[in-house]
C-alpha atoms as a PDB file:
ATOM      1  CA  MET A   1     -31.230 168.847  92.995  1.00  0.00           C
ATOM      2  CA  ALA A   2     -33.707 168.054  90.137  1.00  0.00           C
ATOM      3  CA  ILE A   3     -33.327 167.580  86.522  1.00  0.00           C
ATOM      4  CA  ASP A   4     -36.335 168.792  84.199  1.00  0.00           C
ATOM      5  CA  VAL A   5     -37.151 166.577  81.373  1.00  0.00           C
ATOM      6  CA  VAL A   6     -39.742 166.933  78.521  1.00  0.00           C
ATOM      7  CA  ILE A   7     -41.120 163.666  77.337  1.00  0.00           C
ATOM      8  CA  ASN A   8     -43.998 163.801  74.909  1.00  0.00           C
ATOM      9  CA  GLN A   9     -44.811 167.404  75.770  1.00  0.00           C
ATOM     10  CA  LYS A  10     -45.622 166.499  79.412  1.00  0.00           C
ATOM     11  CA  HIS A  11     -43.240 167.959  81.977  1.00  0.00           C
ATOM     12  CA  LEU A  12     -41.682 165.574  84.335  1.00  0.00           C
ATOM     13  CA  GLN A  13     -39.537 166.409  87.208  1.00  0.00           C
ATOM     14  CA  ILE A  14     -36.971 163.707  87.878  1.00  0.00           C
ATOM     15  CA  GLN A  15     -34.936 163.706  90.765  1.00  0.00           C
ATOM     16  CA  LEU A  16     -31.217 163.163  90.871  1.00  0.00           C
ATOM     17  CA  LYS A  17     -31.708 160.802  93.824  1.00  0.00           C
ATOM     18  CA  GLN A  18     -34.054 158.688  91.595  1.00  0.00           C
ATOM     19  CA  LEU A  19     -31.335 158.296  89.176  1.00  0.00           C
ATOM     20  CA  GLU A  20     -28.550 157.697  91.776  1.00  0.00           C
ATOM     21  CA  THR A  21     -30.723 154.773  93.136  1.00  0.00           C
ATOM     22  CA  VAL A  22     -31.092 153.144  89.622  1.00  0.00           C
ATOM     23  CA  TRP A  23     -27.435 153.489  89.211  1.00  0.00           C
ATOM     24  CA  HIS A  24     -26.327 152.062  92.438  1.00  0.00           C
ATOM     25  CA  THR A  25     -28.897 149.228  92.471  1.00  0.00           C
ATOM     26  CA  VAL A  26     -27.400 148.155  89.186  1.00  0.00           C
ATOM     27  CA  VAL A  27     -23.788 148.335  90.332  1.00  0.00           C
ATOM     28  CA  ASN A  28     -24.467 146.406  93.231  1.00  0.00           C
ATOM     29  CA  GLY A  29     -25.954 143.510  91.200  1.00  0.00           C
ATOM     30  CA  TYR A  30     -29.874 144.458  91.786  1.00  0.00           C
ATOM     31  CA  ASN A  31     -29.344 144.066  95.571  1.00  0.00           C
ATOM     32  CA  LEU A  32     -31.160 146.727  97.360  1.00  0.00           C
ATOM     33  CA  SER A  33     -29.999 146.104 100.631  1.00  0.00           C
ATOM     34  CA  GLN A  34     -26.363 146.272  99.574  1.00  0.00           C
ATOM     35  CA  ALA A  35     -27.022 149.447  97.559  1.00  0.00           C
ATOM     36  CA  ALA A  36     -28.678 151.062 100.711  1.00  0.00           C
ATOM     37  CA  GLU A  37     -25.815 150.190 102.729  1.00  0.00           C
ATOM     38  CA  LEU A  38     -23.405 152.101 100.555  1.00  0.00           C
ATOM     39  CA  LEU A  39     -25.768 154.923 100.293  1.00  0.00           C
ATOM     40  CA  HIS A  40     -26.140 155.100 104.056  1.00  0.00           C
ATOM     41  CA  THR A  41     -29.890 154.910 103.836  1.00  0.00           C
ATOM     42  CA  SER A  42     -32.753 152.226 104.207  1.00  0.00           C
ATOM     43  CA  GLN A  43     -33.726 149.504 101.617  1.00  0.00           C
ATOM     44  CA  SER A  44     -37.353 150.955 101.893  1.00  0.00           C
ATOM     45  CA  SER A  45     -36.119 154.433 101.010  1.00  0.00           C
ATOM     46  CA  LEU A  46     -34.425 153.026  97.654  1.00  0.00           C
ATOM     47  CA  SER A  47     -37.677 151.163  96.752  1.00  0.00           C
ATOM     48  CA  LYS A  48     -39.612 154.617  97.325  1.00  0.00           C
ATOM     49  CA  GLN A  49     -37.304 156.306  95.042  1.00  0.00           C
ATOM     50  CA  ILE A  50     -37.711 153.648  92.288  1.00  0.00           C
ATOM     51  CA  SER A  51     -41.210 153.486  92.747  1.00  0.00           C
ATOM     52  CA  ALA A  52     -41.524 157.228  92.235  1.00  0.00           C
ATOM     53  CA  LEU A  53     -39.469 157.186  89.006  1.00  0.00           C
ATOM     54  CA  GLU A  54     -41.259 154.515  87.590  1.00  0.00           C
ATOM     55  CA  HIS A  55     -44.547 156.235  88.424  1.00  0.00           C
ATOM     56  CA  GLN A  56     -43.289 159.441  86.363  1.00  0.00           C
ATOM     57  CA  LEU A  57     -41.986 157.394  83.545  1.00  0.00           C
ATOM     58  CA  LYS A  58     -45.390 155.178  83.496  1.00  0.00           C
ATOM     59  CA  THR A  59     -43.354 151.998  83.057  1.00  0.00           C
ATOM     60  CA  ASP A  60     -40.995 149.691  84.910  1.00  0.00           C
ATOM     61  CA  VAL A  61     -37.437 150.270  84.986  1.00  0.00           C
ATOM     62  CA  PHE A  62     -36.462 146.943  86.724  1.00  0.00           C
ATOM     63  CA  THR A  63     -37.753 143.534  85.987  1.00  0.00           C
ATOM     64  CA  ARG A  64     -38.944 141.685  89.061  1.00  0.00           C
ATOM     65  CA  GLN A  65     -39.301 138.038  90.557  1.00  0.00           C
ATOM     66  CA  GLY A  66     -41.943 138.754  93.316  1.00  0.00           C
ATOM     67  CA  LYS A  67     -40.207 141.676  95.365  1.00  0.00           C
ATOM     68  CA  ARG A  68     -36.834 140.945  94.156  1.00  0.00           C
ATOM     69  CA  LEU A  69     -35.136 143.000  91.331  1.00  0.00           C
ATOM     70  CA  THR A  70     -33.513 140.865  88.730  1.00  0.00           C
ATOM     71  CA  GLY A  71     -32.605 143.077  85.963  1.00  0.00           C
ATOM     72  CA  LEU A  72     -33.449 146.123  83.683  1.00  0.00           C
ATOM     73  CA  THR A  73     -36.361 146.377  81.490  1.00  0.00           C
ATOM     74  CA  PRO A  74     -35.960 147.667  77.908  1.00  0.00           C
ATOM     75  CA  ILE A  75     -36.553 151.117  78.931  1.00  0.00           C
ATOM     76  CA  GLY A  76     -34.117 150.581  81.975  1.00  0.00           C
ATOM     77  CA  LYS A  77     -31.362 149.314  79.655  1.00  0.00           C
ATOM     78  CA  SER A  78     -31.885 152.454  77.342  1.00  0.00           C
ATOM     79  CA  LEU A  79     -31.822 154.787  80.499  1.00  0.00           C
ATOM     80  CA  LEU A  80     -28.718 153.293  81.939  1.00  0.00           C
ATOM     81  CA  PRO A  81     -26.063 154.887  79.692  1.00  0.00           C
ATOM     82  CA  HIS A  82     -27.479 158.321  80.241  1.00  0.00           C
ATOM     83  CA  ILE A  83     -27.796 158.042  83.914  1.00  0.00           C
ATOM     84  CA  GLU A  84     -23.978 156.789  83.837  1.00  0.00           C
ATOM     85  CA  ALA A  85     -23.005 159.688  81.782  1.00  0.00           C
ATOM     86  CA  ILE A  86     -24.785 162.149  84.276  1.00  0.00           C
ATOM     87  CA  PHE A  87     -22.863 160.719  87.229  1.00  0.00           C
ATOM     88  CA  ALA A  88     -19.737 160.740  85.192  1.00  0.00           C
ATOM     89  CA  GLU A  89     -20.065 164.676  84.581  1.00  0.00           C
ATOM     90  CA  ILE A  90     -20.734 164.798  88.406  1.00  0.00           C
ATOM     91  CA  ARG A  91     -17.570 163.014  88.972  1.00  0.00           C
ATOM     92  CA  THR A  92     -15.784 165.453  86.753  1.00  0.00           C
ATOM     93  CA  ILE A  93     -17.009 168.415  88.592  1.00  0.00           C
ATOM     94  CA  GLU A  94     -16.067 166.644  91.881  1.00  0.00           C
ATOM     95  CA  ASN A  95     -12.553 165.947  90.558  1.00  0.00           C
ATOM     96  CA  LEU A  96     -11.974 169.496  89.429  1.00  0.00           C
ATOM     97  CA  SER A  97     -12.890 170.793  92.898  1.00  0.00           C
ATOM     98  CA  LEU A  98     -10.846 168.110  94.773  1.00  0.00           C
ATOM     99  CA  ASP A  99      -7.818 169.011  92.485  1.00  0.00           C
ATOM    100  CA  PHE A 100      -8.170 172.748  92.855  1.00  0.00           C
ATOM    101  CA  ASN A 101      -8.306 172.303  96.814  1.00  0.00           C
ATOM    102  CA  ASN A 102      -5.741 169.660  97.221  1.00  0.00           C
ATOM    103  CA  ALA A 103      -4.255 168.008  94.159  1.00  0.00           C
ATOM    104  CA  GLN A 104      -1.833 165.761  96.352  1.00  0.00           C
ATOM    105  CA  GLU A 105      -4.587 163.721  98.207  1.00  0.00           C
ATOM    106  CA  GLY A 106      -7.236 161.467  97.130  1.00  0.00           C
ATOM    107  CA  THR A 107      -8.235 157.923  96.151  1.00  0.00           C
ATOM    108  CA  LEU A 108      -7.134 156.617  92.847  1.00  0.00           C
ATOM    109  CA  THR A 109      -9.087 153.146  91.890  1.00  0.00           C
ATOM    110  CA  VAL A 110      -7.315 150.984  89.254  1.00  0.00           C
ATOM    111  CA  ALA A 111      -9.088 147.970  88.005  1.00  0.00           C
ATOM    112  CA  THR A 112      -6.918 145.445  86.212  1.00  0.00           C
ATOM    113  CA  THR A 113      -6.208 141.624  85.761  1.00  0.00           C
ATOM    114  CA  HIS A 114      -4.007 139.820  88.107  1.00  0.00           C
ATOM    115  CA  THR A 115      -1.358 139.299  85.504  1.00  0.00           C
ATOM    116  CA  GLN A 116      -0.932 143.148  85.171  1.00  0.00           C
ATOM    117  CA  ALA A 117      -1.232 143.671  88.931  1.00  0.00           C
ATOM    118  CA  ARG A 118       1.260 140.874  89.646  1.00  0.00           C
ATOM    119  CA  TYR A 119       3.831 141.239  86.840  1.00  0.00           C
ATOM    120  CA  VAL A 120       3.615 144.774  85.205  1.00  0.00           C
ATOM    121  CA  LEU A 121       2.492 147.370  87.699  1.00  0.00           C
ATOM    122  CA  PRO A 122       4.447 146.819  90.654  1.00  0.00           C
ATOM    123  CA  ALA A 123       7.362 149.021  89.729  1.00  0.00           C
ATOM    124  CA  ILE A 124       4.729 151.824  88.479  1.00  0.00           C
ATOM    125  CA  VAL A 125       2.730 151.522  91.658  1.00  0.00           C
ATOM    126  CA  LYS A 126       5.993 151.956  93.754  1.00  0.00           C
ATOM    127  CA  GLU A 127       6.930 155.133  91.653  1.00  0.00           C
ATOM    128  CA  PHE A 128       3.692 156.572  91.694  1.00  0.00           C
ATOM    129  CA  LEU A 129       3.301 156.139  95.594  1.00  0.00           C
ATOM    130  CA  GLN A 130       6.729 157.829  96.005  1.00  0.00           C
ATOM    131  CA  LYS A 131       5.454 160.844  93.949  1.00  0.00           C
ATOM    132  CA  PHE A 132       2.095 161.081  95.633  1.00  0.00           C
ATOM    133  CA  PRO A 133       2.424 159.604  99.116  1.00  0.00           C
ATOM    134  CA  LYS A 134      -1.011 160.939 100.272  1.00  0.00           C
ATOM    135  CA  VAL A 135      -2.789 159.216  97.608  1.00  0.00           C
ATOM    136  CA  ASN A 136      -4.832 155.908  98.469  1.00  0.00           C
ATOM    137  CA  LEU A 137      -4.242 153.715  95.672  1.00  0.00           C
ATOM    138  CA  VAL A 138      -6.732 150.949  95.358  1.00  0.00           C
ATOM    139  CA  LEU A 139      -5.947 147.855  92.734  1.00  0.00           C
ATOM    140  CA  ARG A 140      -9.124 145.923  92.021  1.00  0.00           C
ATOM    141  CA  GLN A 141      -8.412 142.637  90.184  1.00  0.00           C
ATOM    142  CA  ALA A 142     -11.355 141.263  87.738  1.00  0.00           C
ATOM    143  CA  ASP A 143     -11.806 139.751  84.313  1.00  0.00           C
ATOM    144  CA  PRO A 144     -11.480 142.057  81.377  1.00  0.00           C
ATOM    145  CA  GLU A 145     -15.216 142.604  80.621  1.00  0.00           C
ATOM    146  CA  THR A 146     -15.967 143.343  84.388  1.00  0.00           C
ATOM    147  CA  ILE A 147     -12.929 145.876  84.350  1.00  0.00           C
ATOM    148  CA  ALA A 148     -14.584 147.779  81.300  1.00  0.00           C
ATOM    149  CA  GLN A 149     -17.804 147.799  83.174  1.00  0.00           C
ATOM    150  CA  MET A 150     -16.232 149.097  86.374  1.00  0.00           C
ATOM    151  CA  VAL A 151     -14.649 151.968  84.570  1.00  0.00           C
ATOM    152  CA  ILE A 152     -17.858 152.717  82.579  1.00  0.00           C
ATOM    153  CA  ARG A 153     -20.004 152.628  85.923  1.00  0.00           C
ATOM    154  CA  GLY A 154     -17.575 154.710  87.983  1.00  0.00           C
ATOM    155  CA  GLN A 155     -16.460 151.989  90.300  1.00  0.00           C
ATOM    156  CA  ALA A 156     -12.933 152.564  89.028  1.00  0.00           C
ATOM    157  CA  ASP A 157     -10.900 155.505  87.478  1.00  0.00           C
ATOM    158  CA  ILE A 158      -8.541 153.502  85.349  1.00  0.00           C
ATOM    159  CA  GLY A 159      -8.847 150.168  83.885  1.00  0.00           C
ATOM    160  CA  ILE A 160      -5.944 148.111  82.609  1.00  0.00           C
ATOM    161  CA  ALA A 161      -6.505 145.070  80.446  1.00  0.00           C
ATOM    162  CA  THR A 162      -6.015 143.341  76.930  1.00  0.00           C
ATOM    163  CA  GLU A 163      -9.515 142.240  75.938  1.00  0.00           C
ATOM    164  CA  SER A 164     -12.759 144.088  76.055  1.00  0.00           C
ATOM    165  CA  LEU A 165     -11.776 147.600  76.576  1.00  0.00           C
ATOM    166  CA  LEU A 166     -11.635 148.613  72.939  1.00  0.00           C
ATOM    167  CA  ALA A 167     -15.108 147.116  72.451  1.00  0.00           C
ATOM    168  CA  ASN A 168     -16.657 149.921  74.486  1.00  0.00           C
ATOM    169  CA  ASN A 169     -17.189 153.254  72.519  1.00  0.00           C
ATOM    170  CA  VAL A 170     -17.669 154.991  76.004  1.00  0.00           C
ATOM    171  CA  LEU A 171     -13.934 154.327  76.963  1.00  0.00           C
ATOM    172  CA  ARG A 172     -11.040 156.296  75.722  1.00  0.00           C
ATOM    173  CA  CYS A 173      -8.238 153.703  75.526  1.00  0.00           C
ATOM    174  CA  HIS A 174      -4.315 154.584  75.612  1.00  0.00           C
ATOM    175  CA  ARG A 175      -1.853 152.044  74.177  1.00  0.00           C
ATOM    176  CA  TYR A 176       0.232 150.388  76.852  1.00  0.00           C
ATOM    177  CA  TYR A 177       2.417 147.750  75.607  1.00  0.00           C
ATOM    178  CA  ASP A 178       2.399 144.822  73.103  1.00  0.00           C
ATOM    179  CA  TRP A 179       2.935 141.205  74.207  1.00  0.00           C
ATOM    180  CA  SER A 180       2.806 137.452  73.092  1.00  0.00           C
ATOM    181  CA  HIS A 181       2.919 134.021  74.808  1.00  0.00           C
ATOM    182  CA  VAL A 182       5.582 131.858  75.903  1.00  0.00           C
ATOM    183  CA  VAL A 183       5.614 128.018  76.585  1.00  0.00           C
ATOM    184  CA  ILE A 184       7.162 127.309  79.914  1.00  0.00           C
ATOM    185  CA  VAL A 185       8.566 123.752  80.816  1.00  0.00           C
ATOM    186  CA  PRO A 186      10.869 122.572  83.541  1.00  0.00           C
ATOM    187  CA  LYS A 187      14.613 122.283  82.634  1.00  0.00           C
ATOM    188  CA  ASN A 188      14.543 118.625  82.467  1.00  0.00           C
ATOM    189  CA  HIS A 189      11.671 118.473  80.212  1.00  0.00           C
ATOM    190  CA  GLU A 190      12.216 117.147  76.471  1.00  0.00           C
ATOM    191  CA  LEU A 191      11.157 120.802  75.048  1.00  0.00           C
ATOM    192  CA  ALA A 192      13.622 122.593  77.294  1.00  0.00           C
ATOM    193  CA  GLN A 193      16.182 122.312  74.443  1.00  0.00           C
ATOM    194  CA  PHE A 194      14.301 124.887  72.696  1.00  0.00           C
ATOM    195  CA  ALA A 195      14.377 127.485  75.434  1.00  0.00           C
ATOM    196  CA  GLY A 196      14.826 131.116  73.948  1.00  0.00           C
ATOM    197  CA  VAL A 197      14.353 129.828  70.528  1.00  0.00           C
ATOM    198  CA  VAL A 198      11.218 131.779  68.919  1.00  0.00           C
ATOM    199  CA  ASP A 199       8.655 129.040  67.762  1.00  0.00           C
ATOM    200  CA  GLY A 200      10.980 126.432  68.756  1.00  0.00           C
ATOM    201  CA  VAL A 201       8.116 123.982  69.148  1.00  0.00           C
ATOM    202  CA  ASP A 202       5.498 123.476  66.486  1.00  0.00           C
ATOM    203  CA  LEU A 203       1.687 123.226  67.184  1.00  0.00           C
ATOM    204  CA  PRO A 204       1.500 119.502  66.685  1.00  0.00           C
ATOM    205  CA  ASN A 205       4.213 118.651  69.033  1.00  0.00           C
ATOM    206  CA  LEU A 206       2.856 121.203  71.579  1.00  0.00           C
ATOM    207  CA  ALA A 207      -0.510 119.643  71.223  1.00  0.00           C
ATOM    208  CA  SER A 208       0.752 116.202  72.138  1.00  0.00           C
ATOM    209  CA  PHE A 209       1.717 117.353  75.595  1.00  0.00           C
ATOM    210  CA  PRO A 210      -0.819 117.888  78.482  1.00  0.00           C
ATOM    211  CA  ILE A 211      -1.251 121.821  78.753  1.00  0.00           C
ATOM    212  CA  VAL A 212      -1.755 124.044  81.648  1.00  0.00           C
ATOM    213  CA  THR A 213      -2.951 127.467  80.660  1.00  0.00           C
ATOM    214  CA  TYR A 214      -5.420 130.435  81.328  1.00  0.00           C
ATOM    215  CA  HIS A 215      -8.976 130.299  82.134  1.00  0.00           C
ATOM    216  CA  GLY A 216     -11.429 131.342  79.240  1.00  0.00           C
ATOM    217  CA  GLY A 217     -11.552 134.864  78.697  1.00  0.00           C
ATOM    218  CA  PHE A 218      -8.087 135.776  80.313  1.00  0.00           C
ATOM    219  CA  THR A 219      -4.801 136.695  78.688  1.00  0.00           C
ATOM    220  CA  GLY A 220      -5.367 135.563  75.132  1.00  0.00           C
ATOM    221  CA  ARG A 221      -7.101 132.165  75.987  1.00  0.00           C
ATOM    222  CA  GLY A 222      -9.516 132.748  73.122  1.00  0.00           C
ATOM    223  CA  SER A 223      -6.689 133.162  70.652  1.00  0.00           C
ATOM    224  CA  ILE A 224      -4.876 130.146  72.144  1.00  0.00           C
ATOM    225  CA  ASP A 225      -7.844 127.963  71.371  1.00  0.00           C
ATOM    226  CA  LYS A 226      -8.618 129.382  67.863  1.00  0.00           C
ATOM    227  CA  THR A 227      -4.916 128.940  66.907  1.00  0.00           C
ATOM    228  CA  PHE A 228      -5.294 125.107  67.701  1.00  0.00           C
ATOM    229  CA  GLU A 229      -8.535 124.835  66.212  1.00  0.00           C
ATOM    230  CA  ASN A 230      -7.560 126.350  63.051  1.00  0.00           C
ATOM    231  CA  ALA A 231      -4.755 123.895  62.825  1.00  0.00           C
ATOM    232  CA  GLY A 232      -7.304 120.797  63.381  1.00  0.00           C
ATOM    233  CA  LEU A 233      -5.627 119.972  66.855  1.00  0.00           C
ATOM    234  CA  GLN A 234      -7.409 119.249  70.005  1.00  0.00           C
ATOM    235  CA  PRO A 235      -4.994 119.954  73.042  1.00  0.00           C
ATOM    236  CA  ASN A 236      -5.426 118.339  76.233  1.00  0.00           C
ATOM    237  CA  ILE A 237      -5.820 121.266  78.635  1.00  0.00           C
ATOM    238  CA  VAL A 238      -5.482 119.472  82.106  1.00  0.00           C
ATOM    239  CA  LEU A 239      -5.777 122.805  84.013  1.00  0.00           C
ATOM    240  CA  ALA A 240      -7.028 126.161  83.311  1.00  0.00           C
ATOM    241  CA  ALA A 241      -6.304 129.028  86.036  1.00  0.00           C
ATOM    242  CA  LEU A 242      -6.865 132.753  86.317  1.00  0.00           C
ATOM    243  CA  ASP A 243      -3.366 133.107  87.797  1.00  0.00           C
ATOM    244  CA  SER A 244       0.097 132.986  86.082  1.00  0.00           C
ATOM    245  CA  ASP A 245       1.745 131.930  89.371  1.00  0.00           C
ATOM    246  CA  VAL A 246      -0.899 128.944  89.628  1.00  0.00           C
ATOM    247  CA  ILE A 247       0.106 127.689  86.145  1.00  0.00           C
ATOM    248  CA  SER A 248       3.796 128.057  86.777  1.00  0.00           C
ATOM    249  CA  THR A 249       3.476 126.064  89.986  1.00  0.00           C
ATOM    250  CA  TYR A 250       1.662 123.163  88.397  1.00  0.00           C
ATOM    251  CA  VAL A 251       4.007 123.131  85.376  1.00  0.00           C
ATOM    252  CA  SER A 252       7.040 123.020  87.981  1.00  0.00           C
ATOM    253  CA  ALA A 253       5.033 119.961  89.572  1.00  0.00           C
ATOM    254  CA  GLY A 254       5.211 118.067  86.219  1.00  0.00           C
ATOM    255  CA  LEU A 255       1.479 118.380  85.552  1.00  0.00           C
ATOM    256  CA  GLY A 256       2.161 119.669  81.838  1.00  0.00           C
ATOM    257  CA  VAL A 257       3.641 122.194  79.769  1.00  0.00           C
ATOM    258  CA  GLY A 258       2.439 125.876  80.462  1.00  0.00           C
ATOM    259  CA  ILE A 259       1.223 128.746  78.116  1.00  0.00           C
ATOM    260  CA  VAL A 260       1.607 131.944  79.926  1.00  0.00           C
ATOM    261  CA  ALA A 261       1.896 135.757  78.939  1.00  0.00           C
ATOM    262  CA  GLN A 262       5.560 136.644  78.223  1.00  0.00           C
ATOM    263  CA  MET A 263       5.421 139.241  81.110  1.00  0.00           C
ATOM    264  CA  ALA A 264       4.323 136.573  83.353  1.00  0.00           C
ATOM    265  CA  TYR A 265       7.276 134.236  82.923  1.00  0.00           C
ATOM    266  CA  ASP A 266       9.410 134.793  86.109  1.00  0.00           C
ATOM    267  CA  PRO A 267      12.666 132.976  86.056  1.00  0.00           C
ATOM    268  CA  LYS A 268      13.710 134.447  89.543  1.00  0.00           C
ATOM    269  CA  SER A 269      10.505 132.916  91.483  1.00  0.00           C
ATOM    270  CA  TYR A 270      10.722 129.804  89.157  1.00  0.00           C
ATOM    271  CA  PRO A 271      14.361 129.055  88.231  1.00  0.00           C
ATOM    272  CA  GLU A 272      13.516 125.449  87.553  1.00  0.00           C
ATOM    273  CA  LEU A 273      11.421 126.624  84.636  1.00  0.00           C
ATOM    274  CA  VAL A 274      12.661 127.964  80.926  1.00  0.00           C
ATOM    275  CA  ALA A 275      10.587 129.538  78.281  1.00  0.00           C
ATOM    276  CA  ILE A 276      10.049 129.030  74.691  1.00  0.00           C
ATOM    277  CA  PRO A 277       8.865 132.305  72.825  1.00  0.00           C
ATOM    278  CA  ILE A 278       5.675 131.617  70.699  1.00  0.00           C
ATOM    279  CA  SER A 279       4.420 133.881  67.986  1.00  0.00           C
ATOM    280  CA  TYR A 280       1.698 131.831  66.356  1.00  0.00           C
ATOM    281  CA  PHE A 281      -0.938 132.590  69.034  1.00  0.00           C
ATOM    282  CA  GLY A 282      -0.702 136.231  67.889  1.00  0.00           C
ATOM    283  CA  LYS A 283       0.569 139.697  69.378  1.00  0.00           C
ATOM    284  CA  PHE A 284      -1.600 141.392  71.946  1.00  0.00           C
ATOM    285  CA  THR A 285      -1.956 144.796  73.363  1.00  0.00           C
ATOM    286  CA  SER A 286      -2.691 145.824  76.832  1.00  0.00           C
ATOM    287  CA  TRP A 287      -4.595 148.979  77.085  1.00  0.00           C
ATOM    288  CA  ILE A 288      -5.434 151.738  79.655  1.00  0.00           C
ATOM    289  CA  ALA A 289      -9.002 153.000  79.768  1.00  0.00           C
ATOM    290  CA  VAL A 290     -11.014 155.763  81.102  1.00  0.00           C
ATOM    291  CA  ARG A 291     -14.421 157.091  80.427  1.00  0.00           C
ATOM    292  CA  ASP A 292     -14.258 159.323  77.380  1.00  0.00           C
ATOM    293  CA  ASP A 293     -16.742 161.690  78.593  1.00  0.00           C
ATOM    294  CA  SER A 294     -15.272 162.713  82.132  1.00  0.00           C
ATOM    295  CA  ASP A 295     -12.015 163.755  83.668  1.00  0.00           C
ATOM    296  CA  ILE A 296      -9.918 161.832  86.361  1.00  0.00           C
ATOM    297  CA  ARG A 297      -8.092 163.393  88.997  1.00  0.00           C
ATOM    298  CA  LYS A 298      -4.659 164.850  87.916  1.00  0.00           C
ATOM    299  CA  PHE A 299      -2.666 162.260  89.786  1.00  0.00           C
ATOM    300  CA  GLY A 300      -4.791 159.616  87.870  1.00  0.00           C
ATOM    301  CA  THR A 301      -3.296 161.421  84.701  1.00  0.00           C
ATOM    302  CA  GLU A 302       0.206 160.973  86.203  1.00  0.00           C
ATOM    303  CA  PHE A 303      -0.416 157.440  86.697  1.00  0.00           C
ATOM    304  CA  ILE A 304      -1.166 156.826  83.051  1.00  0.00           C
ATOM    305  CA  LYS A 305       1.938 158.792  81.973  1.00  0.00           C
ATOM    306  CA  LEU A 306       4.016 156.554  84.346  1.00  0.00           C
ATOM    307  CA  CYS A 307       2.577 153.666  82.660  1.00  0.00           C
ATOM    308  CA  GLN A 308       3.331 154.868  79.204  1.00  0.00           C
ATOM    309  CA  ALA A 309       6.723 155.779  80.048  1.00  0.00           C
ATOM    310  CA  GLN A 310       7.346 152.319  80.949  1.00  0.00           C
ATOM    311  CA  PHE A 311       6.121 151.003  77.446  1.00  0.00           C
ATOM    312  CA  ASP A 312       9.504 150.010  76.033  1.00  0.00           C
ATOM    313  CA  LYS A 313      10.420 147.887  78.914  1.00  0.00           C
ATOM    314  CA  PHE A 314       8.128 144.978  77.561  1.00  0.00           C
END
């Protein structure tokens, strides 16, 4: 298949395969060997496709260090959103065909954070698979910015996260649920007397204890840092983790007090801990995102509906 493009009155014929090569090369971190493996072709074949495209455009699409591709040139960066949009349309056509022929089978890839996958989605996944037993549901865990890029680039059908999704105008976001943080401490800790009391511990008191919380960029950590900074406080964060279970484990071990998302507080798994609801780190919203210019499979839309029906439970 070829796409005819007119640039500066000169007729160019850009092959869809050339654009696919660019897209897969970017998605695979500029690793031609990995991209070739996924495309079931050779690295030399991909190099020829890239060379042919750059010859037609009369400029480099990729930056290079020796023979190794290292990134996109300015024109490459300008081309990428258009290439992604082309393949989003192709996926829409494929999805329409797949739904027409067999709406009950296929693969749904959901990119999300550990917190969502571990604490929020299990009931949804169970209900979804009961409704669509022939669908292969793939959960891919990543940081919020990577989740957004995975949806934009077609590596995931749906993205679920708090941060980053709204910052991309390529994505159509559906509100999921609102949440805030809680402070968790062992039952024998001096702060345990404030269990269940909203804002029972103030910031200066909280900052006087060693703190275990999320790694930067995850689950509202930026807001936690900003709140302490605005109050003129420098908390002693002794451990930062991506995983709420890791935070809870180390709080149980007496390493410090924990700050976790409210949905990640699991009293059944950690009966030795209690939680203090906290409002001054702010209220957050988790979002469900898909590309705005393409349609996912019908069972993907049903997955989103199940999530939204769950909204009031949190």
